Amino acid sequence: MSQIKPFLNQNFEYLRSKAHQTGILYRDDLFPADDTSISLIRSNKKPYRIYWKRPHQIVDDPKFIVSDINPNDLVQGDTGNCWFLSALSALAMLPNFCQLVIPPNQTFEMGYAGIFHFRFWKFGEWVDVVIDDRLPVNERNELIYCHNAKNKNEFFGPLLEKAYAKLACCYEFLNSGDPTVAMTDLTGAVCETFSISRCLESTLRQQQLQMQHSKIPPHHEHNEKFIIYENDKIDDSLSDLEALWIVITNSYSMNSLMSVSMNNRKSSLLDANGHLPNGLIPNHSYSLIQAVEFKIRPTDVVKTRLIKLRNPQGDVDSWKGDWSRTSTLWHAVDAPTREIHKLKLNSNGEFYISFKDFVIQFEELDVAHVNLDAFASYSNTFNIAKTHWGQKQFYGSWHTIPKGSSSSSLASQSNPQSLETNPQYMLEINHTQPMSSLIVSLLQPYSARLRYENNGSFDNSFKPIKFNLYRVNDSTSNSLSNMYDHKSRFRKFRDDELMLIDKPFFLTQRDFTKRFALKSGIYVIVPCTIDRSIELNYLLRIFHDQMSCSYIRELDHY
């Protein structure tokens, strides 16, 4: 891991030492205990008075961590950051990352100075965020944001949330977000999103075709229970529910972080707290923390598939259907089976749901891969050998071209006629296997300014970005192979020298990631924005097979 950099040039050790020397508890002037840290939009101010207090002013015996780190005990407060807390809950499966994000040896006892720090992955590097421990409470002296539902004396959760709010500029900017953003910020992982609805639709369509072919009337039991979710950020490479189950189980076995959500439902279906009759909440993120398959009885032909989810709000009745806490189906599962498959609930917000109900109720699955083998583990159809992963990282930017200028460098449009004006990155795949794995991730930085200009809304807080993947024509490749050496400077390619392999839609999200199975050849990656008027920095991460990728380099003009 690269060196961890102090966020806003605030060095934790120096500031804590200074507080010890002066005997004055640390006060963070860069994230002050006032309304500007709550909200930057005047119309979005809280309707009640907010007080800022240190933990020992809230409880008698504050602890940073009680027993051990268990994000499952954390529940959501008065802000819509379920997307962050669901990612934090999933992080509990990764002790190494927990210790990285939540540094040890922080306490309210010996050496306490009112200062704490947490670490996040920010645009290609880990940063250390320093805060003081003044937290917002209401008139009843209750924490208004994240808190521990089981032990009110534990404060790592509220303090971690405060550090993340500082990273975002204010608590308000934690309201609404993308689970993949939080999962990446907590691990530096690469993420992808799958449409559960499309898998369900495809499976039902296949079943109906099979029934029609066998002259059996099609069964429409579930046809009205799902919504087709059209979203350009979705990875549509999964063909059916069996493929989806493989993605979930493989990702779970490799400690990938997972989150699921559903779309809006008719308001007439919701109760006063925004819950559906079955207990679920639309537009809400749930952590996916277990996938298990077992036989209830040894004689069963079909195995039961269960998904374990967690609601960050900590509701006891988060799910009221089959396999809920009070479901009679549990009576048929004996103690040894429960022990072998670890079928237990650790907090109020956790619940089991059958895979059958899961795919009907939820529309979108987000997966953050901290182990890149999980990315390729469900790509067996491409006949890909085991991958020895390497990573190459490039920082770049798109700049506008002055009107009438003859210069073509660093343009920001994807028009084929302007291909040479785009940033370009060339790589060579050279291997004996039929296919080689490649993962490409394009990120743009978080902008508090854009969110402020959108009145605090998460929508449209990112610019439309994407990348195109090209394969260099064979005739051009032959000439390049004779010219190449490590000191050569390569010009950018023209449109007539390349063959388009993948040209996705532009997406207004922070991270655009795709995986490929490529045969031998020379390829060019072209990051681009939707028009040339956008000026924006980007980070391009290329994850490749070290055994088959000969080189990766940025191209320029000469």
Protein backbone atom coordinates (compact mmCIF):
# COMPACT_ATOMS: atom_id res chain seq x y z
CA MET A 1 0.00 0.00 0.00
CA SER A 2 1.24 3.48 -0.82
CA GLN A 3 1.99 6.05 1.86
CA ILE A 4 -1.05 7.37 3.73
CA LYS A 5 -1.33 11.14 3.26
CA PRO A 6 -2.78 13.57 5.81
CA PHE A 7 -6.07 15.01 4.59
CA LEU A 8 -5.99 18.84 4.41
CA ASN A 9 -2.37 18.62 5.65
CA GLN A 10 -3.52 17.82 9.18
CA ASN A 11 -0.99 15.47 10.78
CA PHE A 12 -2.63 13.41 13.51
CA GLU A 13 0.49 12.73 15.59
CA TYR A 14 1.58 16.37 15.53
CA LEU A 15 -1.87 17.71 16.45
CA ARG A 16 -2.33 15.18 19.25
CA SER A 17 1.12 15.96 20.66
CA LYS A 18 0.32 19.67 20.58
CA ALA A 19 -2.94 19.07 22.47
CA HIS A 20 -1.06 17.07 25.11
CA GLN A 21 1.51 19.85 25.51
CA THR A 22 -1.08 22.61 25.93
CA GLY A 23 -3.48 20.53 28.01
CA ILE A 24 -6.36 21.77 25.82
CA LEU A 25 -8.65 19.28 24.09
CA TYR A 26 -8.27 19.44 20.31
CA ARG A 27 -10.67 21.63 18.32
CA ASP A 28 -10.79 21.13 14.56
CA ASP A 29 -11.03 24.56 12.91
CA LEU A 30 -11.28 22.97 9.42
CA PHE A 31 -14.49 21.13 10.36
CA PRO A 32 -15.93 23.35 13.07
CA ALA A 33 -18.67 22.44 15.53
CA ASP A 34 -21.28 24.69 13.92
CA ASP A 35 -24.03 24.68 11.28
CA THR A 36 -21.58 24.82 8.36
CA SER A 37 -20.48 21.27 9.16
CA ILE A 38 -24.12 20.14 9.21
CA SER A 39 -25.32 21.80 6.00
CA LEU A 40 -24.09 24.31 3.44
CA ILE A 41 -27.57 24.88 1.99
CA ARG A 42 -29.55 27.36 4.08
CA SER A 43 -32.92 25.88 3.06
CA ASN A 44 -31.79 22.44 4.27
CA LYS A 45 -31.01 23.43 7.86
CA LYS A 46 -32.37 21.17 10.61
CA PRO A 47 -35.73 22.28 12.07
CA TYR A 48 -34.46 21.78 15.62
CA ARG A 49 -31.55 23.17 17.61
CA ILE A 50 -28.27 21.27 17.45
CA TYR A 51 -25.70 21.11 20.23
CA TRP A 52 -22.11 19.88 19.90
CA LYS A 53 -20.81 17.75 22.75
CA ARG A 54 -17.88 15.46 23.41
CA PRO A 55 -18.66 11.81 24.27
CA HIS A 56 -17.97 12.24 28.00
CA GLN A 57 -20.66 14.95 27.98
CA ILE A 58 -23.14 12.48 26.43
CA VAL A 59 -22.47 9.34 28.50
CA ASP A 60 -20.63 8.70 31.75
CA ASP A 61 -18.10 6.17 30.50
CA PRO A 62 -17.41 6.58 26.77
CA LYS A 63 -15.45 3.88 24.94
CA PHE A 64 -13.96 4.07 21.48
CA ILE A 65 -14.56 0.36 20.90
CA VAL A 66 -16.39 -2.03 23.22
CA SER A 67 -15.01 -5.56 22.91
CA ASP A 68 -14.34 -5.48 19.15
CA ILE A 69 -15.25 -3.64 15.96
CA ASN A 70 -18.74 -4.65 14.91
CA PRO A 71 -20.34 -2.26 12.41
CA ASN A 72 -23.47 -4.44 12.57
CA ASP A 73 -24.36 -2.65 15.81
CA LEU A 74 -24.47 0.74 14.08
CA VAL A 75 -27.83 2.19 13.07
CA GLN A 76 -28.71 5.11 10.85
CA GLY A 77 -29.57 8.49 12.31
CA ASP A 78 -31.21 11.60 10.91
CA THR A 79 -29.62 11.48 7.47
CA GLY A 80 -30.09 9.30 4.42
CA ASN A 81 -26.68 7.61 4.50
CA CYS A 82 -27.84 3.99 4.47
CA TRP A 83 -25.55 3.60 1.43
CA PHE A 84 -22.54 4.32 3.65
CA LEU A 85 -23.62 2.30 6.70
CA SER A 86 -24.52 -0.73 4.56
CA ALA A 87 -20.99 -0.63 3.12
CA LEU A 88 -19.53 -0.24 6.62
CA SER A 89 -21.54 -3.23 7.81
CA ALA A 90 -20.16 -5.34 4.96
CA LEU A 91 -16.65 -4.18 5.91
CA ALA A 92 -16.96 -6.20 9.13
CA MET A 93 -16.07 -9.29 7.07
CA LEU A 94 -12.63 -7.79 6.34
CA PRO A 95 -10.70 -7.34 9.62
CA ASN A 96 -7.58 -6.07 7.84
CA PHE A 97 -9.52 -3.26 6.19
CA CYS A 98 -11.34 -2.51 9.45
CA GLN A 99 -7.98 -1.88 11.13
CA LEU A 100 -6.84 0.22 8.18
CA VAL A 101 -9.96 2.42 8.15
CA ILE A 102 -10.24 2.50 11.95
CA PRO A 103 -6.67 2.80 13.27
CA PRO A 104 -6.04 1.04 16.62
CA ASN A 105 -4.85 2.57 19.90
CA GLN A 106 -7.49 5.30 20.05
CA THR A 107 -9.11 5.79 23.42
CA PHE A 108 -10.98 8.06 25.83
CA GLU A 109 -8.69 6.99 28.64
CA MET A 110 -4.89 7.21 28.87
CA GLY A 111 -3.59 9.81 26.41
CA TYR A 112 -7.04 11.16 25.48
CA ALA A 113 -6.79 14.57 23.79
CA GLY A 114 -10.17 14.98 22.07
CA ILE A 115 -8.67 14.02 18.69
CA PHE A 116 -9.29 10.94 16.50
CA HIS A 117 -8.46 9.88 12.96
CA PHE A 118 -9.77 7.56 10.24
CA ARG A 119 -8.57 6.55 6.80
CA PHE A 120 -10.32 6.47 3.45
CA TRP A 121 -9.33 5.72 -0.13
CA LYS A 122 -9.63 8.99 -2.04
CA PHE A 123 -8.97 9.19 -5.78
CA GLY A 124 -6.17 6.65 -5.92
CA GLU A 125 -4.53 7.14 -2.54
CA TRP A 126 -5.24 6.56 1.14
CA VAL A 127 -5.79 9.69 3.22
CA ASP A 128 -5.84 10.14 6.99
CA VAL A 129 -8.75 12.32 8.15
CA VAL A 130 -8.38 14.03 11.53
CA ILE A 131 -11.39 15.20 13.59
CA ASP A 132 -12.15 16.39 17.07
CA ASP A 133 -14.73 14.40 19.04
CA ARG A 134 -17.45 17.05 19.31
CA LEU A 135 -20.61 15.38 17.99
CA PRO A 136 -24.04 16.83 17.12
CA VAL A 137 -26.83 16.02 19.59
CA ASN A 138 -30.43 17.17 20.07
CA GLU A 139 -32.06 18.82 23.07
CA ARG A 140 -32.42 15.41 24.75
CA ASN A 141 -28.63 14.94 24.52
CA GLU A 142 -29.07 12.15 21.94
CA LEU A 143 -26.80 11.67 18.93
CA ILE A 144 -28.72 12.80 15.87
CA TYR A 145 -26.71 10.76 13.39
CA CYS A 146 -25.13 7.29 13.46
CA HIS A 147 -25.04 5.57 16.86
CA ASN A 148 -24.61 2.15 18.43
CA ALA A 149 -27.99 0.56 19.11
CA LYS A 150 -26.64 -2.05 21.55
CA ASN A 151 -24.12 -0.03 23.53
CA LYS A 152 -24.56 3.72 23.80
CA ASN A 153 -21.06 4.02 25.30
CA GLU A 154 -19.34 2.99 22.05
CA PHE A 155 -18.33 5.91 19.78
CA PHE A 156 -16.16 4.64 16.94
CA GLY A 157 -19.23 4.67 14.64
CA PRO A 158 -20.34 8.30 15.19
CA LEU A 159 -16.71 9.47 14.98
CA LEU A 160 -16.07 7.50 11.78
CA GLU A 161 -19.22 9.00 10.27
CA LYS A 162 -18.03 12.48 11.24
CA ALA A 163 -14.70 11.89 9.49
CA TYR A 164 -16.52 10.74 6.36
CA ALA A 165 -18.76 13.83 6.55
CA LYS A 166 -15.62 15.97 6.70
CA LEU A 167 -14.30 14.19 3.62
CA ALA A 168 -17.61 15.00 1.88
CA CYS A 169 -17.57 18.64 3.18
CA CYS A 170 -20.58 18.36 5.54
CA TYR A 171 -23.09 15.88 7.01
CA GLU A 172 -25.73 17.01 4.52
CA PHE A 173 -23.68 15.66 1.63
CA LEU A 174 -23.96 12.16 3.12
CA ASN A 175 -27.68 12.30 2.43
CA SER A 176 -28.22 9.99 -0.57
CA GLY A 177 -25.36 8.34 -2.36
CA ASP A 178 -24.11 5.29 -4.20
CA PRO A 179 -23.09 2.17 -2.22
CA THR A 180 -20.25 1.54 -4.69
CA VAL A 181 -18.77 4.92 -3.76
CA ALA A 182 -18.72 4.03 -0.06
CA MET A 183 -17.38 0.52 -0.68
CA THR A 184 -14.55 1.94 -2.80
CA ASP A 185 -13.78 4.65 -0.23
CA LEU A 186 -13.48 2.02 2.50
CA THR A 187 -11.31 -0.45 0.56
CA GLY A 188 -10.03 0.99 -2.73
CA ALA A 189 -11.83 -1.91 -4.41
CA VAL A 190 -13.15 -2.06 -7.96
CA CYS A 191 -16.95 -2.25 -8.21
CA GLU A 192 -19.56 -3.48 -10.61
CA THR A 193 -23.35 -3.43 -10.59
CA PHE A 194 -25.76 -6.16 -11.71
CA SER A 195 -29.44 -5.95 -12.58
CA ILE A 196 -31.35 -8.54 -10.59
CA SER A 197 -34.48 -7.64 -12.53
CA ARG A 198 -32.93 -8.41 -15.88
CA CYS A 199 -31.75 -11.80 -14.63
CA LEU A 200 -35.26 -12.52 -13.35
CA GLU A 201 -36.84 -11.38 -16.59
CA SER A 202 -34.45 -13.50 -18.63
CA THR A 203 -35.07 -16.60 -16.51
CA LEU A 204 -38.85 -16.22 -16.68
CA ARG A 205 -38.64 -15.73 -20.43
CA GLN A 206 -36.54 -18.89 -20.79
CA GLN A 207 -38.97 -20.86 -18.64
CA GLN A 208 -41.93 -19.67 -20.66
CA LEU A 209 -40.24 -20.61 -23.92
CA GLN A 210 -39.48 -24.06 -22.55
CA MET A 211 -43.08 -24.51 -21.42
CA GLN A 212 -44.42 -23.34 -24.75
CA HIS A 213 -42.06 -25.70 -26.54
CA SER A 214 -43.35 -28.61 -24.43
CA LYS A 215 -46.96 -27.40 -24.95
CA ILE A 216 -47.42 -26.73 -21.25
CA PRO A 217 -49.34 -23.52 -20.48
CA PRO A 218 -46.90 -20.93 -19.11
CA HIS A 219 -47.15 -20.14 -15.39
CA HIS A 220 -47.40 -16.39 -14.70
CA GLU A 221 -47.20 -16.47 -10.91
CA HIS A 222 -44.34 -13.95 -10.62
CA ASN A 223 -44.87 -11.85 -13.74
CA GLU A 224 -46.33 -8.88 -11.89
CA LYS A 225 -43.88 -9.00 -8.99
CA PHE A 226 -40.85 -7.49 -10.62
CA ILE A 227 -39.96 -4.25 -12.34
CA ILE A 228 -37.59 -4.03 -15.28
CA TYR A 229 -34.84 -1.70 -14.15
CA GLU A 230 -33.22 0.14 -17.02
CA ASN A 231 -30.03 1.78 -15.80
CA ASP A 232 -26.95 2.37 -17.91
CA LYS A 233 -24.61 1.61 -15.03
CA ILE A 234 -25.85 -1.98 -14.92
CA ASP A 235 -23.61 -4.81 -16.06
CA ASP A 236 -25.93 -6.83 -18.31
CA SER A 237 -23.56 -9.73 -18.91
CA LEU A 238 -25.50 -12.07 -16.61
CA SER A 239 -28.05 -14.15 -18.48
CA ASP A 240 -30.17 -15.70 -15.72
CA LEU A 241 -30.68 -16.23 -12.00
CA GLU A 242 -28.27 -19.18 -11.82
CA ALA A 243 -25.49 -16.91 -13.08
CA LEU A 244 -26.53 -14.32 -10.48
CA TRP A 245 -26.32 -16.92 -7.70
CA ILE A 246 -22.81 -17.84 -8.85
CA VAL A 247 -21.78 -14.17 -8.74
CA ILE A 248 -23.14 -13.78 -5.21
CA THR A 249 -21.65 -17.00 -3.80
CA ASN A 250 -18.25 -16.54 -5.44
CA SER A 251 -18.10 -12.91 -4.33
CA TYR A 252 -19.10 -13.91 -0.80
CA SER A 253 -16.44 -16.64 -0.66
CA MET A 254 -13.77 -14.11 -1.72
CA ASN A 255 -14.84 -11.47 0.83
CA SER A 256 -16.26 -9.03 -1.69
CA LEU A 257 -18.48 -6.30 -0.23
CA MET A 258 -22.08 -6.43 -1.47
CA SER A 259 -25.10 -4.17 -1.24
CA VAL A 260 -28.63 -4.44 -2.68
CA SER A 261 -31.49 -2.03 -3.21
CA MET A 262 -34.94 -1.71 -4.75
CA ASN A 263 -36.61 1.05 -6.72
CA ASN A 264 -39.49 3.32 -5.82
CA ARG A 265 -42.86 1.77 -5.06
CA LYS A 266 -46.28 3.41 -5.12
CA SER A 267 -46.71 5.68 -2.10
CA SER A 268 -50.08 4.04 -1.40
CA LEU A 269 -48.20 0.83 -0.54
CA LEU A 270 -46.04 2.48 2.14
CA ASP A 271 -46.80 2.98 5.82
CA ALA A 272 -46.08 6.15 7.79
CA ASN A 273 -42.41 5.16 8.15
CA GLY A 274 -41.91 4.43 4.45
CA HIS A 275 -42.05 0.62 4.81
CA LEU A 276 -43.82 -1.81 2.51
CA PRO A 277 -46.24 -4.31 4.08
CA ASN A 278 -43.46 -6.93 3.91
CA GLY A 279 -41.15 -4.68 5.98
CA LEU A 280 -38.75 -3.66 3.18
CA ILE A 281 -37.91 -0.04 2.35
CA PRO A 282 -37.75 1.26 -1.26
CA ASN A 283 -34.75 3.40 -2.29
CA HIS A 284 -32.77 1.97 0.62
CA SER A 285 -29.47 0.11 0.72
CA TYR A 286 -29.07 -3.23 2.48
CA SER A 287 -25.79 -5.04 3.18
CA LEU A 288 -25.57 -8.54 1.73
CA ILE A 289 -23.53 -10.40 4.33
CA GLN A 290 -24.13 -14.10 3.68
CA ALA A 291 -25.23 -16.50 0.93
CA VAL A 292 -25.89 -20.09 1.94
CA GLU A 293 -27.26 -23.24 0.31
CA PHE A 294 -28.31 -26.35 2.26
CA LYS A 295 -30.76 -29.25 2.46
CA ILE A 296 -33.39 -28.98 5.16
CA ARG A 297 -33.78 -32.77 5.10
CA PRO A 298 -31.22 -35.29 3.80
CA THR A 299 -33.83 -36.62 1.38
CA ASP A 300 -34.49 -33.22 -0.21
CA VAL A 301 -33.73 -33.11 -3.93
CA VAL A 302 -33.56 -29.32 -4.13
CA LYS A 303 -31.38 -27.27 -1.80
CA THR A 304 -32.71 -24.22 0.01
CA ARG A 305 -30.94 -20.99 -0.90
CA LEU A 306 -30.93 -18.13 1.61
CA ILE A 307 -29.55 -14.61 1.49
CA LYS A 308 -28.69 -12.77 4.71
CA LEU A 309 -29.19 -8.99 4.58
CA ARG A 310 -28.83 -6.15 7.04
CA ASN A 311 -30.93 -3.01 7.27
CA PRO A 312 -28.79 -0.09 8.58
CA GLN A 313 -31.84 1.28 10.37
CA GLY A 314 -31.77 -1.72 12.70
CA ASP A 315 -35.49 -2.56 12.47
CA VAL A 316 -36.47 -5.86 14.09
CA ASP A 317 -39.15 -6.49 11.47
CA SER A 318 -37.03 -5.57 8.45
CA TRP A 319 -38.56 -8.52 6.56
CA LYS A 320 -41.88 -10.22 7.33
CA GLY A 321 -41.94 -12.92 4.64
CA ASP A 322 -40.60 -16.47 4.47
CA TRP A 323 -37.48 -17.12 6.60
CA SER A 324 -38.02 -13.95 8.65
CA ARG A 325 -37.23 -14.01 12.37
CA THR A 326 -40.70 -15.32 13.23
CA SER A 327 -41.14 -17.62 10.22
CA THR A 328 -42.26 -21.16 11.05
CA LEU A 329 -39.95 -22.46 8.30
CA TRP A 330 -37.09 -22.33 10.82
CA HIS A 331 -38.76 -25.10 12.84
CA ALA A 332 -37.69 -27.62 10.19
CA VAL A 333 -33.98 -26.66 10.39
CA ASP A 334 -32.19 -28.66 13.07
CA ALA A 335 -29.43 -27.33 15.30
CA PRO A 336 -26.51 -29.09 13.54
CA THR A 337 -27.56 -27.61 10.18
CA ARG A 338 -27.79 -24.16 11.72
CA GLU A 339 -24.35 -24.59 13.27
CA ILE A 340 -22.66 -25.91 10.09
CA HIS A 341 -24.02 -23.11 7.91
CA LYS A 342 -23.78 -20.39 10.59
CA LEU A 343 -27.49 -19.61 10.38
CA LYS A 344 -27.86 -16.98 13.07
CA LEU A 345 -28.79 -13.31 13.41
CA ASN A 346 -26.41 -11.00 15.30
CA SER A 347 -28.35 -7.74 15.36
CA ASN A 348 -31.87 -6.38 14.98
CA GLY A 349 -31.38 -5.21 11.42
CA GLU A 350 -30.27 -8.62 10.11
CA PHE A 351 -32.67 -11.02 8.41
CA TYR A 352 -32.74 -14.00 6.06
CA ILE A 353 -34.71 -14.06 2.83
CA SER A 354 -35.04 -16.87 0.31
CA PHE A 355 -33.20 -16.40 -2.97
CA LYS A 356 -36.58 -16.74 -4.70
CA ASP A 357 -38.02 -13.80 -2.77
CA PHE A 358 -34.74 -11.90 -2.97
CA VAL A 359 -34.79 -11.70 -6.77
CA ILE A 360 -38.45 -10.63 -6.76
CA GLN A 361 -38.06 -7.89 -4.16
CA PHE A 362 -34.72 -6.32 -5.12
CA GLU A 363 -33.58 -4.80 -8.40
CA GLU A 364 -29.90 -3.97 -8.09
CA LEU A 365 -26.78 -5.66 -6.71
CA ASP A 366 -23.54 -3.74 -6.11
CA VAL A 367 -20.32 -5.70 -5.62
CA ALA A 368 -16.93 -4.33 -4.53
CA HIS A 369 -14.08 -6.76 -5.25
CA VAL A 370 -11.11 -6.49 -2.90
CA ASN A 371 -9.89 -9.80 -4.36
CA LEU A 372 -9.73 -9.42 -8.13
CA ASP A 373 -10.00 -13.18 -8.64
CA ALA A 374 -13.68 -12.75 -7.79
CA PHE A 375 -14.01 -10.57 -10.87
CA ALA A 376 -12.93 -13.37 -13.19
CA SER A 377 -14.20 -16.34 -11.17
CA TYR A 378 -17.57 -16.39 -12.93
CA SER A 379 -16.08 -15.94 -16.41
CA ASN A 380 -15.38 -19.63 -17.05
CA THR A 381 -17.28 -19.48 -20.30
CA PHE A 382 -14.38 -17.44 -21.71
CA ASN A 383 -11.88 -20.24 -20.92
CA ILE A 384 -9.68 -17.88 -18.90
CA ALA A 385 -6.74 -19.34 -17.00
CA LYS A 386 -5.95 -18.31 -13.41
CA THR A 387 -4.88 -14.67 -13.44
CA HIS A 388 -1.81 -13.22 -11.72
CA TRP A 389 -3.02 -9.68 -11.28
CA GLY A 390 -0.98 -6.55 -11.83
CA GLN A 391 -2.11 -2.93 -11.70
CA LYS A 392 -1.19 0.19 -13.62
CA GLN A 393 -2.54 3.58 -12.59
CA PHE A 394 -2.64 6.82 -14.59
CA TYR A 395 -3.75 10.30 -13.59
CA GLY A 396 -4.99 12.48 -16.42
CA SER A 397 -7.32 15.33 -17.30
CA TRP A 398 -9.59 16.55 -20.03
CA HIS A 399 -9.19 20.18 -21.11
CA THR A 400 -11.18 22.32 -23.48
CA ILE A 401 -9.59 23.23 -26.81
CA PRO A 402 -9.57 26.97 -27.53
CA LYS A 403 -11.88 27.82 -30.39
CA GLY A 404 -9.96 28.02 -33.67
CA SER A 405 -6.86 26.42 -32.14
CA SER A 406 -4.93 23.96 -34.26
CA SER A 407 -3.81 22.08 -31.17
CA SER A 408 -5.49 18.72 -30.71
CA SER A 409 -4.07 17.70 -27.35
CA LEU A 410 -6.25 16.75 -24.40
CA ALA A 411 -9.65 17.18 -25.99
CA SER A 412 -12.65 15.67 -24.25
CA GLN A 413 -15.04 14.28 -26.79
CA SER A 414 -15.50 10.77 -28.15
CA ASN A 415 -16.32 11.68 -31.74
CA PRO A 416 -14.33 9.33 -34.04
CA GLN A 417 -13.19 12.31 -36.09
CA SER A 418 -11.51 13.66 -32.96
CA LEU A 419 -10.01 10.41 -31.73
CA GLU A 420 -6.46 11.77 -31.81
CA THR A 421 -7.45 14.61 -29.46
CA ASN A 422 -8.45 12.21 -26.68
CA PRO A 423 -6.17 10.72 -24.04
CA GLN A 424 -5.07 7.26 -25.21
CA TYR A 425 -3.48 4.30 -23.43
CA MET A 426 -1.98 1.37 -25.33
CA LEU A 427 -1.44 -2.16 -24.04
CA GLU A 428 -0.40 -5.44 -25.61
CA ILE A 429 -1.89 -8.83 -24.77
CA ASN A 430 0.41 -11.68 -25.74
CA HIS A 431 -0.41 -15.13 -24.40
CA THR A 432 -1.05 -18.75 -25.30
CA GLN A 433 -4.45 -18.99 -23.57
CA PRO A 434 -7.58 -18.35 -25.67
CA MET A 435 -8.48 -15.31 -23.56
CA SER A 436 -6.88 -13.03 -20.97
CA SER A 437 -8.65 -11.03 -18.23
CA LEU A 438 -8.56 -7.23 -18.18
CA ILE A 439 -10.37 -4.88 -15.81
CA VAL A 440 -10.52 -1.16 -16.58
CA SER A 441 -11.78 1.37 -14.04
CA LEU A 442 -12.19 5.09 -14.80
CA LEU A 443 -12.84 7.41 -11.86
CA GLN A 444 -13.56 11.11 -11.54
CA PRO A 445 -12.96 12.99 -8.28
CA TYR A 446 -15.75 13.85 -5.86
CA SER A 447 -16.76 17.50 -6.16
CA ALA A 448 -18.47 19.22 -3.23
CA ARG A 449 -18.86 22.26 -5.48
CA LEU A 450 -21.04 20.34 -7.95
CA ARG A 451 -23.18 19.03 -5.13
CA TYR A 452 -23.55 22.52 -3.71
CA GLU A 453 -24.58 23.83 -7.13
CA ASN A 454 -27.24 21.09 -7.22
CA ASN A 455 -28.73 22.35 -3.94
CA GLY A 456 -27.13 19.50 -2.03
CA SER A 457 -28.63 16.78 -4.24
CA PHE A 458 -26.58 13.70 -5.09
CA ASP A 459 -28.18 13.57 -8.54
CA ASN A 460 -25.96 15.05 -11.26
CA SER A 461 -23.09 15.54 -8.81
CA PHE A 462 -20.80 13.81 -11.32
CA LYS A 463 -20.07 14.52 -14.98
CA PRO A 464 -20.90 11.98 -17.73
CA ILE A 465 -17.80 9.85 -18.42
CA LYS A 466 -16.85 6.56 -20.05
CA PHE A 467 -14.03 4.90 -21.96
CA ASN A 468 -13.95 3.16 -25.33
CA LEU A 469 -11.86 0.07 -25.99
CA TYR A 470 -10.28 -0.42 -29.42
CA ARG A 471 -8.18 -3.14 -31.00
CA VAL A 472 -5.39 -1.96 -33.27
CA ASN A 473 -5.78 -3.23 -36.84
CA ASP A 474 -3.43 -6.08 -37.76
CA SER A 475 -1.55 -4.05 -40.37
CA THR A 476 -0.88 -1.25 -37.88
CA SER A 477 0.04 -3.78 -35.16
CA ASN A 478 2.71 -5.34 -37.36
CA SER A 479 4.43 -1.99 -37.89
CA LEU A 480 4.24 -1.17 -34.18
CA SER A 481 5.81 -4.46 -33.11
CA ASN A 482 8.88 -3.67 -35.19
CA MET A 483 9.19 -0.16 -33.73
CA TYR A 484 8.55 -0.78 -30.04
CA ASP A 485 11.11 -0.36 -27.31
CA HIS A 486 10.77 1.12 -23.81
CA LYS A 487 12.22 4.50 -24.85
CA SER A 488 10.02 5.00 -27.90
CA ARG A 489 7.39 7.73 -28.02
CA PHE A 490 4.19 6.66 -29.73
CA ARG A 491 1.81 8.99 -31.47
CA LYS A 492 -1.90 8.70 -30.84
CA PHE A 493 -3.94 6.53 -33.16
CA ARG A 494 -6.28 7.65 -35.91
CA ASP A 495 -9.78 6.27 -36.31
CA ASP A 496 -8.87 4.24 -39.42
CA GLU A 497 -6.18 2.35 -37.48
CA LEU A 498 -8.50 1.01 -34.79
CA MET A 499 -11.39 -1.42 -34.52
CA LEU A 500 -13.99 -0.60 -31.87
CA ILE A 501 -14.39 -3.40 -29.30
CA ASP A 502 -16.59 -1.74 -26.70
CA LYS A 503 -18.39 1.61 -26.73
CA PRO A 504 -20.74 1.90 -23.71
CA PHE A 505 -23.10 4.73 -22.82
CA PHE A 506 -21.90 7.76 -20.86
CA LEU A 507 -22.62 7.44 -17.15
CA THR A 508 -23.04 10.21 -14.59
CA GLN A 509 -21.34 8.33 -11.76
CA ARG A 510 -17.96 8.49 -10.10
CA ASP A 511 -16.60 5.10 -11.10
CA PHE A 512 -16.98 3.46 -14.49
CA THR A 513 -15.64 -0.11 -14.45
CA LYS A 514 -15.82 -2.95 -16.98
CA ARG A 515 -14.18 -6.34 -17.34
CA PHE A 516 -13.06 -7.94 -20.58
CA ALA A 517 -11.82 -11.26 -21.90
CA LEU A 518 -9.37 -10.41 -24.69
CA LYS A 519 -7.42 -12.41 -27.22
CA SER A 520 -3.82 -11.56 -28.15
CA GLY A 521 -3.31 -8.21 -29.79
CA ILE A 522 -2.66 -4.50 -29.22
CA TYR A 523 -5.47 -2.51 -27.62
CA VAL A 524 -6.15 1.17 -26.98
CA ILE A 525 -8.22 2.56 -24.11
CA VAL A 526 -9.72 6.02 -24.72
CA PRO A 527 -11.22 7.82 -21.68
CA CYS A 528 -13.70 10.51 -22.72
CA THR A 529 -16.38 12.88 -21.51
CA ILE A 530 -19.62 13.72 -23.24
CA ASP A 531 -18.49 17.02 -24.74
CA ARG A 532 -15.37 19.11 -25.18
CA SER A 533 -16.57 21.90 -22.85
CA ILE A 534 -15.89 19.79 -19.75
CA GLU A 535 -12.64 20.25 -17.85
CA LEU A 536 -12.09 17.40 -15.43
CA ASN A 537 -9.38 15.27 -13.84
CA TYR A 538 -9.60 11.49 -13.92
CA LEU A 539 -7.89 8.38 -12.60
CA LEU A 540 -7.54 5.36 -14.89
CA ARG A 541 -6.83 2.02 -13.21
CA ILE A 542 -5.95 -0.96 -15.39
CA PHE A 543 -5.87 -4.41 -13.77
CA HIS A 544 -4.15 -6.92 -16.02
CA ASP A 545 -2.67 -10.41 -16.13
CA GLN A 546 1.04 -10.02 -15.43
CA MET A 547 1.78 -13.19 -17.41
CA SER A 548 0.14 -12.00 -20.64
CA CYS A 549 0.25 -8.18 -20.66
CA SER A 550 3.56 -7.10 -22.22
CA TYR A 551 3.26 -3.36 -21.55
CA ILE A 552 0.83 -0.53 -20.78
CA ARG A 553 1.72 3.04 -21.65
CA GLU A 554 0.17 6.42 -22.22
CA LEU A 555 0.37 7.73 -25.79
CA ASP A 556 1.20 11.28 -26.73
CA HIS A 557 1.91 13.42 -29.80
CA TYR A 558 5.28 13.71 -31.42
